[in-house]
Protein backbone atom coordinates (compact mmCIF):
# COMPACT_ATOMS: atom_id res chain seq x y z
CA MET A 1 91.72 117.37 118.99
CA THR A 2 89.57 120.15 117.59
CA TYR A 3 90.66 121.27 114.15
CA ILE A 4 91.00 125.02 113.68
CA ARG A 5 91.44 127.17 110.61
CA VAL A 6 94.35 129.55 111.19
CA ARG A 7 93.67 133.28 110.88
CA LEU A 8 96.13 136.04 111.56
CA GLY A 9 95.37 137.91 114.75
CA ALA A 10 95.39 141.68 115.23
CA SER A 11 98.94 141.68 116.61
CA VAL A 12 100.28 140.11 113.43
CA LEU A 13 98.09 142.24 111.21
CA GLY A 14 99.76 145.22 112.73
CA LEU A 15 103.07 144.11 111.24
CA ALA A 16 101.60 144.64 107.79
CA LEU A 17 100.34 148.15 108.39
CA VAL A 18 102.00 150.80 106.27
CA GLY A 19 100.66 154.36 106.59
CA GLY A 20 97.62 152.98 108.36
CA LEU A 21 96.66 150.55 105.55
CA ALA A 22 96.96 146.74 105.74
CA ALA A 23 98.89 145.12 102.91
CA ALA A 24 96.48 143.27 100.63
CA PRO A 25 97.07 139.65 99.69
CA SER A 26 99.09 139.09 96.54
CA ALA A 27 97.04 138.97 93.36
CA SER A 28 98.62 135.59 92.67
CA ALA A 29 97.72 134.18 96.08
CA ALA A 30 96.04 130.79 95.94
CA ALA A 31 93.13 129.58 98.01
CA ALA A 32 93.59 127.07 100.80
CA ALA A 33 93.91 123.48 99.62
CA PRO A 34 91.56 120.70 100.72
CA ALA A 35 92.75 118.11 103.21
CA THR A 36 94.39 115.06 101.66
CA VAL A 37 93.18 111.48 102.01
CA GLU A 38 95.80 110.92 104.71
CA GLU A 39 94.80 114.05 106.61
CA GLN A 40 91.10 113.16 106.46
CA ARG A 41 91.78 110.00 108.51
CA LEU A 42 92.92 112.20 111.39
CA ASP A 43 89.40 112.74 112.68
CA GLN A 44 88.76 109.05 113.27
CA THR A 45 88.63 107.80 116.84
CA ALA A 46 91.85 105.75 116.88
CA PRO A 47 94.21 108.50 115.62
CA GLN A 48 92.74 110.94 118.12
CA GLU A 49 93.24 108.43 120.93
CA ILE A 50 96.83 107.77 119.87
CA LEU A 51 97.56 111.50 119.89
CA ARG A 52 95.86 112.05 123.24
CA ARG A 53 97.53 109.10 124.97
CA SER A 54 100.98 110.24 123.84
CA GLY A 55 100.63 113.94 124.56
CA PHE A 56 100.97 114.77 120.87
CA ASP A 57 97.38 116.01 120.64
CA THR A 58 98.54 119.62 121.16
CA VAL A 59 101.15 119.59 118.39
CA ALA A 60 98.92 120.80 115.55
CA THR A 61 97.21 123.53 117.57
CA GLY A 62 100.54 124.82 118.88
CA PHE A 63 101.90 124.82 115.34
CA ALA A 64 98.81 126.72 114.16
CA ARG A 65 99.43 129.42 116.75
CA ALA A 66 103.05 129.74 115.63
CA LEU A 67 101.95 130.06 112.00
CA GLU A 68 99.45 132.71 113.05
CA ARG A 69 102.32 134.88 114.26
CA ALA A 70 104.16 134.69 110.91
CA GLY A 71 103.89 138.00 109.11
CA SER A 72 105.68 137.00 105.90
CA PHE A 73 106.54 133.97 103.84
CA GLY A 74 110.10 134.06 105.15
CA GLN A 75 108.85 133.96 108.73
CA ALA A 76 106.51 131.11 107.82
CA GLU A 77 109.43 129.15 106.38
CA ARG A 78 111.34 129.49 109.63
CA VAL A 79 108.32 128.43 111.68
CA VAL A 80 107.69 125.38 109.52
CA ALA A 81 111.34 124.25 109.49
CA GLY A 82 111.79 124.78 113.22
CA GLN A 83 108.52 123.17 114.29
CA GLY A 84 109.06 120.24 111.94
CA ALA A 85 112.52 119.60 113.37
CA ARG A 86 111.16 119.87 116.91
CA LEU A 87 108.46 117.30 116.17
CA TRP A 88 111.07 114.83 114.93
CA GLN A 89 113.28 115.37 117.97
CA ARG A 90 110.33 115.10 120.32
CA ALA A 91 109.36 111.75 118.77
CA VAL A 92 112.95 110.49 119.01
CA ASP A 93 113.26 111.65 122.62
CA ARG A 94 110.00 109.97 123.56
CA ALA A 95 111.03 106.70 121.90
CA GLN A 96 114.38 106.76 123.72
CA GLY A 97 112.98 107.55 127.16
CA ARG A 98 113.90 111.22 127.41
CA GLY A 99 111.42 113.71 128.80
CA PRO A 100 107.82 113.05 129.81
CA ALA A 101 105.92 110.25 128.09
CA GLY A 102 102.91 112.53 127.77
CA GLY A 103 100.48 109.70 128.37
CA ASP A 104 100.18 105.96 128.88
CA LEU A 105 100.93 104.92 125.29
CA SER A 106 104.20 102.97 125.23
CA ARG A 107 107.26 105.01 124.30
CA ASP A 108 108.25 102.71 121.44
CA ASP A 109 105.16 103.76 119.44
CA ASP A 110 105.80 105.39 116.05
CA ARG A 111 102.20 106.45 115.46
CA PRO A 112 102.17 109.75 117.42
CA LEU A 113 104.77 111.17 115.02
CA TYR A 114 102.76 110.10 111.98
CA TRP A 115 99.43 111.52 113.10
CA ALA A 116 100.91 114.71 114.58
CA ARG A 117 102.72 115.42 111.32
CA LEU A 118 99.45 115.08 109.41
CA GLY A 119 97.84 117.54 111.78
CA MET A 120 100.60 120.00 110.93
CA THR A 121 100.42 119.47 107.17
CA ARG A 122 96.66 120.01 107.30
CA GLU A 123 97.24 123.34 109.03
CA VAL A 124 99.66 124.43 106.29
CA ARG A 125 97.36 123.24 103.55
CA GLN A 126 94.39 125.23 104.85
CA TRP A 127 96.24 128.31 106.10
CA GLU A 128 95.24 131.62 104.50
CA PRO A 129 97.56 134.36 105.77
CA VAL A 130 96.79 138.00 104.96
CA PHE A 131 100.05 138.30 103.01
CA GLY A 132 98.90 135.55 100.65
CA LEU A 133 100.47 132.26 99.57
CA THR A 134 100.92 131.05 96.02
CA ASP A 135 100.54 127.35 95.24
CA THR A 136 104.31 127.17 94.85
CA GLN A 137 104.93 128.76 98.24
CA ARG A 138 102.46 126.46 99.97
CA ALA A 139 104.09 123.43 98.34
CA SER A 140 107.48 124.70 99.51
CA LEU A 141 106.25 124.98 103.11
CA LEU A 142 104.82 121.47 102.97
CA ALA A 143 108.09 120.08 101.60
CA GLU A 144 110.05 121.88 104.33
CA LEU A 145 107.75 120.44 106.97
CA GLU A 146 108.04 116.91 105.58
CA GLU A 147 111.84 116.94 105.38
CA ASN A 148 112.37 118.34 108.86
CA SER A 149 109.75 116.22 110.63
CA ARG A 150 111.13 113.01 109.08
CA GLY A 151 114.72 113.43 110.25
CA GLU A 152 115.98 113.94 106.70
CA ASN A 153 117.75 117.18 107.63
CA ALA A 154 118.96 115.97 111.03
CA ILE A 155 121.45 113.30 109.90
CA ARG A 156 124.76 114.24 111.51
CA TYR A 157 127.69 112.02 112.43
CA PRO A 158 130.44 112.70 114.98
CA HIS A 159 133.92 113.44 113.72
CA ALA A 160 135.56 111.14 116.24
CA LYS A 161 138.04 108.68 114.79
CA GLY A 162 137.21 105.01 114.97
CA VAL A 163 133.42 105.51 115.06
CA LYS A 164 131.66 103.86 112.14
CA ARG A 165 128.63 105.42 110.52
CA ILE A 166 125.35 103.64 109.81
CA LEU A 167 122.35 105.04 107.96
CA LEU A 168 118.96 103.38 108.51
CA THR A 169 115.56 104.34 107.13
CA GLY A 170 112.00 103.36 108.04
CA PHE A 171 108.47 104.03 106.83
CA ASP A 172 105.19 105.53 107.99
CA PRO A 173 102.27 103.25 108.90
CA PHE A 174 100.27 102.09 105.86
CA THR A 175 97.16 100.08 104.85
CA LEU A 176 95.27 102.44 107.13
CA ASP A 177 91.91 101.91 105.46
CA ARG A 178 92.23 98.27 106.42
CA ASP A 179 93.11 99.15 110.02
CA VAL A 180 93.66 102.76 111.04
CA ARG A 181 95.39 101.56 114.23
CA THR A 182 98.35 100.29 112.21
CA SER A 183 101.91 100.87 113.42
CA ASN A 184 105.02 100.34 111.31
CA PRO A 185 107.91 98.61 113.14
CA SER A 186 110.42 100.08 110.70
CA GLY A 187 109.41 103.61 111.67
CA ALA A 188 109.48 102.65 115.34
CA THR A 189 112.97 101.24 114.84
CA ALA A 190 114.15 104.46 113.22
CA LEU A 191 112.94 106.48 116.21
CA ALA A 192 114.47 104.06 118.71
CA LEU A 193 117.89 104.00 117.03
CA ASP A 194 118.33 107.56 115.78
CA GLY A 195 121.51 109.11 117.16
CA THR A 196 122.42 106.02 119.18
CA THR A 197 125.80 104.33 119.34
CA ILE A 198 126.11 100.55 119.22
CA GLN A 199 129.13 98.49 120.16
CA THR A 200 130.35 96.15 117.43
CA ALA A 201 133.19 93.66 117.13
CA ASP A 202 135.19 96.48 115.52
CA GLY A 203 134.30 99.22 117.97
CA PRO A 204 131.52 101.81 118.23
CA ALA A 205 129.14 102.71 115.41
CA ARG A 206 126.75 105.66 115.27
CA ILE A 207 123.28 105.18 113.75
CA GLU A 208 121.38 108.01 112.08
CA THR A 209 117.87 107.53 110.70
CA ALA A 210 114.99 108.99 108.70
CA VAL A 211 111.39 107.91 108.08
CA PHE A 212 109.89 108.03 104.58
CA PRO A 213 106.28 108.50 103.44
CA VAL A 214 104.23 105.73 101.86
CA ARG A 215 103.38 107.75 98.77
CA TRP A 216 104.31 107.00 95.17
CA GLN A 217 104.53 110.66 94.18
CA ASP A 218 107.11 111.58 96.82
CA PHE A 219 109.38 108.81 95.55
CA ALA A 220 108.94 109.93 91.94
CA GLN A 221 109.91 113.44 93.02
CA GLY A 222 113.22 112.15 94.41
CA THR A 223 112.80 112.25 98.19
CA VAL A 224 114.99 109.15 98.63
CA GLU A 225 117.81 110.41 96.45
CA ARG A 226 117.76 113.91 97.97
CA THR A 227 118.15 112.45 101.44
CA LEU A 228 120.68 109.71 100.71
CA ARG A 229 122.91 111.27 98.06
CA ARG A 230 124.83 113.44 100.49
CA GLN A 231 125.08 110.63 103.06
CA LEU A 232 126.12 107.47 101.20
CA PRO A 233 129.67 108.61 100.36
CA ARG A 234 130.44 109.09 104.06
CA VAL A 235 128.80 106.11 105.76
CA ASP A 236 130.13 102.62 106.40
CA LEU A 237 126.81 100.83 105.94
CA PHE A 238 123.21 101.63 105.06
CA THR A 239 120.02 99.66 105.28
CA THR A 240 116.51 100.56 104.28
CA VAL A 241 113.95 98.82 106.49
CA SER A 242 110.25 98.11 106.05
CA GLN A 243 107.54 95.76 107.29
CA GLY A 244 107.37 92.55 105.28
CA ARG A 245 106.11 89.04 105.99
CA VAL A 246 104.51 87.45 109.02
CA GLY A 247 106.89 85.93 111.57
CA ARG A 248 110.20 86.43 109.75
CA PHE A 249 112.95 88.81 108.75
CA ASP A 250 114.21 88.85 105.17
CA VAL A 251 117.43 90.27 103.77
CA GLU A 252 116.33 91.03 100.22
CA ARG A 253 118.97 89.91 97.74
CA THR A 254 117.61 91.59 94.58
CA ASN A 255 115.50 94.69 93.88
CA GLY A 256 113.40 95.22 90.75
CA ALA A 257 112.62 98.32 88.68
CA TRP A 258 108.85 97.88 88.76
CA ARG A 259 105.88 99.45 90.55
CA GLY A 260 103.05 96.97 90.96
CA GLY A 261 100.19 99.37 91.64
CA PHE A 262 99.19 98.65 95.26
CA PRO A 263 97.48 101.80 96.63
CA ASP A 264 99.60 104.10 98.76
CA ASN A 265 98.51 106.15 101.76
CA GLU A 266 96.72 108.59 99.44
CA ASN A 267 94.91 105.64 97.80
CA VAL A 268 96.88 106.32 94.61
CA SER A 269 98.07 103.41 92.44
CA ARG A 270 101.06 103.35 90.10
CA THR A 271 101.86 100.48 87.73
CA GLU A 272 104.98 101.34 85.76
CA THR A 273 108.75 101.18 85.62
CA ILE A 274 110.20 103.02 88.62
CA PRO A 275 110.84 106.57 87.39
CA VAL A 276 114.45 107.68 87.89
CA THR A 277 116.81 110.24 86.41
CA ASP A 278 118.68 109.07 83.31
CA PRO A 279 116.29 106.21 82.49
CA ALA A 280 118.43 105.26 79.48
CA SER A 281 121.01 103.81 81.89
CA GLN A 282 118.47 102.34 84.30
CA PRO A 283 119.02 98.64 85.12
CA GLN A 284 116.14 96.24 85.64
CA TRP A 285 117.75 94.87 88.78
CA THR A 286 120.02 95.96 91.62
CA SER A 287 121.54 93.79 94.34
CA THR A 288 122.24 94.02 98.04
CA THR A 289 125.80 94.39 99.26
CA LEU A 290 124.82 93.66 102.85
CA PRO A 291 126.68 90.63 104.31
CA TYR A 292 123.55 88.47 104.09
CA ALA A 293 125.26 85.17 104.84
CA ARG A 294 126.74 86.54 108.07
CA ILE A 295 123.42 88.12 109.08
CA VAL A 296 121.43 84.93 108.49
CA ALA A 297 123.95 82.81 110.42
CA ALA A 298 123.95 85.06 113.50
CA ALA A 299 121.66 84.71 116.51
CA THR A 300 119.95 88.10 116.40
CA GLY A 301 116.59 87.48 118.06
CA ARG A 302 113.41 85.46 118.28
CA PHE A 303 112.40 85.74 114.61
CA PRO A 304 114.11 83.65 111.91
CA VAL A 305 116.13 85.62 109.33
CA TYR A 306 116.26 84.55 105.68
CA ASP A 307 118.43 85.33 102.69
CA HIS A 308 115.52 85.97 100.34
CA THR A 309 116.46 85.40 96.69
CA SER A 310 113.14 85.04 94.85
CA VAL A 311 112.03 87.55 92.17
CA THR A 312 109.36 87.77 89.50
CA GLU A 313 110.54 88.51 85.96
CA ILE A 314 109.53 88.48 82.33
CA PRO A 315 112.30 86.38 80.78
CA ALA A 316 114.21 87.74 77.80
CA GLY A 317 112.05 87.16 74.73
CA GLY A 318 109.02 86.27 76.87
CA THR A 319 105.72 87.97 77.61
CA ASP A 320 104.47 86.43 80.86
CA PRO A 321 105.80 86.91 84.41
CA VAL A 322 107.72 83.98 85.93
CA VAL A 323 108.76 83.50 89.55
CA ARG A 324 112.48 82.75 89.86
CA PRO A 325 113.41 81.37 93.32
CA ASP A 326 117.13 81.95 92.73
CA GLY A 327 117.04 85.47 91.29
CA PRO A 328 116.69 87.03 87.85
CA THR A 329 118.00 85.58 84.60
CA ALA A 330 120.05 87.50 82.05
CA GLY A 331 118.15 90.08 80.02
CA SER A 332 114.92 89.74 81.96
CA THR A 333 112.45 92.51 82.81
CA ALA A 334 111.54 93.09 86.44
CA ARG A 335 108.04 92.55 87.74
CA ALA A 336 108.88 92.13 91.44
CA GLY A 337 112.07 92.20 93.46
CA GLY A 338 112.64 90.08 96.51
CA GLY A 339 110.79 92.74 98.45
CA GLY A 340 107.84 92.75 96.05
CA ASP A 341 106.67 95.60 93.84
CA TYR A 342 105.62 98.18 96.42
CA LEU A 343 107.51 101.06 98.03
CA SER A 344 109.73 98.80 100.16
CA ASN A 345 111.15 97.34 96.96
CA GLU A 346 111.33 100.81 95.47
CA ILE A 347 113.32 102.37 98.30
CA ALA A 348 115.71 99.41 98.14
CA TYR A 349 116.03 99.80 94.38
CA ARG A 350 116.56 103.57 94.55
CA ALA A 351 119.08 103.40 97.39
CA THR A 352 121.18 100.64 95.79
CA LEU A 353 120.97 102.25 92.35
CA LEU A 354 122.23 105.49 93.89
CA ARG A 355 125.03 103.54 95.60
CA ASP A 356 126.05 102.10 92.24
CA ARG A 357 125.80 105.40 90.38
CA LEU A 358 128.04 106.97 93.01
CA GLY A 359 130.63 104.25 92.32
CA LEU A 360 130.24 102.67 95.76
CA HIS A 361 129.04 99.16 94.86
CA ASP A 362 132.30 97.46 95.81
CA SER A 363 133.01 99.50 98.92
CA LEU A 364 129.69 100.23 100.64
CA PRO A 365 127.55 97.49 102.23
CA GLY A 366 123.91 98.36 101.73
CA GLY A 367 120.50 96.91 100.98
CA HIS A 368 117.06 96.20 102.38
CA VAL A 369 115.78 94.35 105.45
CA HIS A 370 112.14 93.37 105.85
CA THR A 371 110.84 93.02 109.40
CA PRO A 372 108.02 90.73 110.49
CA VAL A 373 104.50 92.12 110.30
CA LEU A 374 103.66 93.86 113.57
CA GLN A 375 100.59 92.07 114.89
CA PHE A 376 98.08 92.94 117.58
CA GLY A 377 97.51 90.48 120.39
CA THR A 378 95.02 87.65 120.46
CA GLY A 379 91.49 89.00 120.69
CA ASN A 380 92.50 92.46 119.44
CA THR A 381 92.59 91.87 115.71
CA ASP A 382 89.26 93.45 114.73
CA PRO A 383 89.82 97.14 113.96
CA ALA A 384 86.14 97.89 114.56
CA THR A 385 86.17 96.63 118.15
CA GLY A 386 89.86 96.43 119.09
CA THR A 387 91.99 98.78 121.16
CA VAL A 388 94.86 100.88 119.80
CA THR A 389 97.43 98.89 121.75
CA ASP A 390 97.87 95.78 123.91
CA PRO A 391 100.77 94.09 125.76
CA GLU A 392 101.49 91.54 123.01
CA PHE A 393 101.48 94.26 120.34
CA VAL A 394 103.99 96.31 122.34
CA GLN A 395 106.21 93.27 123.02
CA ASN A 396 106.20 92.33 119.34
CA ARG A 397 107.33 95.83 118.39
CA LEU A 398 110.04 95.91 121.05
CA ASP A 399 111.35 92.52 119.91
CA ILE A 400 111.47 93.66 116.29
CA ILE A 401 113.34 96.85 117.23
CA ALA A 402 115.86 94.89 119.26
CA GLN A 403 116.43 92.41 116.46
CA VAL A 404 116.97 95.12 113.86
CA ARG A 405 119.59 96.62 116.18
CA ALA A 406 121.27 93.22 116.44
CA ILE A 407 121.15 92.66 112.67
CA VAL A 408 122.76 96.04 112.03
CA THR A 409 125.42 95.29 114.62
CA VAL A 410 126.32 92.06 112.86
CA ALA A 411 126.20 93.70 109.43
CA VAL A 412 128.55 96.59 110.24
CA SER A 413 131.16 94.40 111.90
CA GLY A 414 133.98 94.08 109.41
CA ALA A 415 132.63 96.88 107.23
CA GLY A 416 134.62 99.99 106.51
CA ARG A 417 136.31 101.94 103.80
């Protein structure tokens, strides 16, 4: 895909003519912003192949043309919101077999959405319309694009009686400097399950999903809480999902209030207590309310499922971290939850803390599930020489998606408020 800098054409310029004079950019208009670390990876061979083989290689250029026609900030807002929402729906439709595949890349692939979104954010970041954009306005457009292209604004449940409501979240691909071909099975699961209805022992249940970024700053700015706060009071079960350990699923029993510093997708590190509102009331630990014993006991798929109870803490009165296989001790300080000290632990911590602050601890099952690591097939493990997909890679992802669906089906049976 050839990258283009968007310029307003003569037809749009004409919209700004008053008495024969073009409106000058605002004196407070800011210059275009440089591409981010994430966006810079777009030009590598593998992302371009993923976009081309899925038909998503035209998304950014089509978006650029739509932006070019915007003659005001208000029009730009509508373009960004609409195009972002269409990208999300297009990715969901592709994952669920609706419409053309657009290429030979398997439909279960989450990566076209990720790379197409980055193409769009790069266009916004480097757009210089004649009417001018302030830094604040550009940031607002980027936020609008993120929310709409991640499904955050598309969570809607039917009003039919007897239909339970499930909320599930996934993540973007990450560790891309290690292997830019990376796919995230949690994001693929979110696309595969969004808007679907599953049959449980208690009747039908509707699943709605969203996919979150792998960036510390977005979490500090409250993207999880903004998305989940309006949903948790009206769902029957929620689960945050991310990629975890090789060859196994884990239901994480305990989440810790600590960021361990592993670089995010912008190569930014954060080592600190998880920043939340009202830190004076912030607990060091939160716990799952998912029915972990029932999930572990059920036959849900080819991968073993564990009730994972281990944490790392600094004991009360101590100074050094200690691994506790059976969970935290009283008065301890978190250094890693069951899901570690990265953003998978953080989304679990934030979601369950929000559940508790909303007074839903005793009535709403919710927590975190780690999937197996999605692995490429034998002979395709070297990112320098390997292909972007292979049959074993696809089968592994399909098996993980199917098992998450089965786990959620088991978990929601018997739930309800």
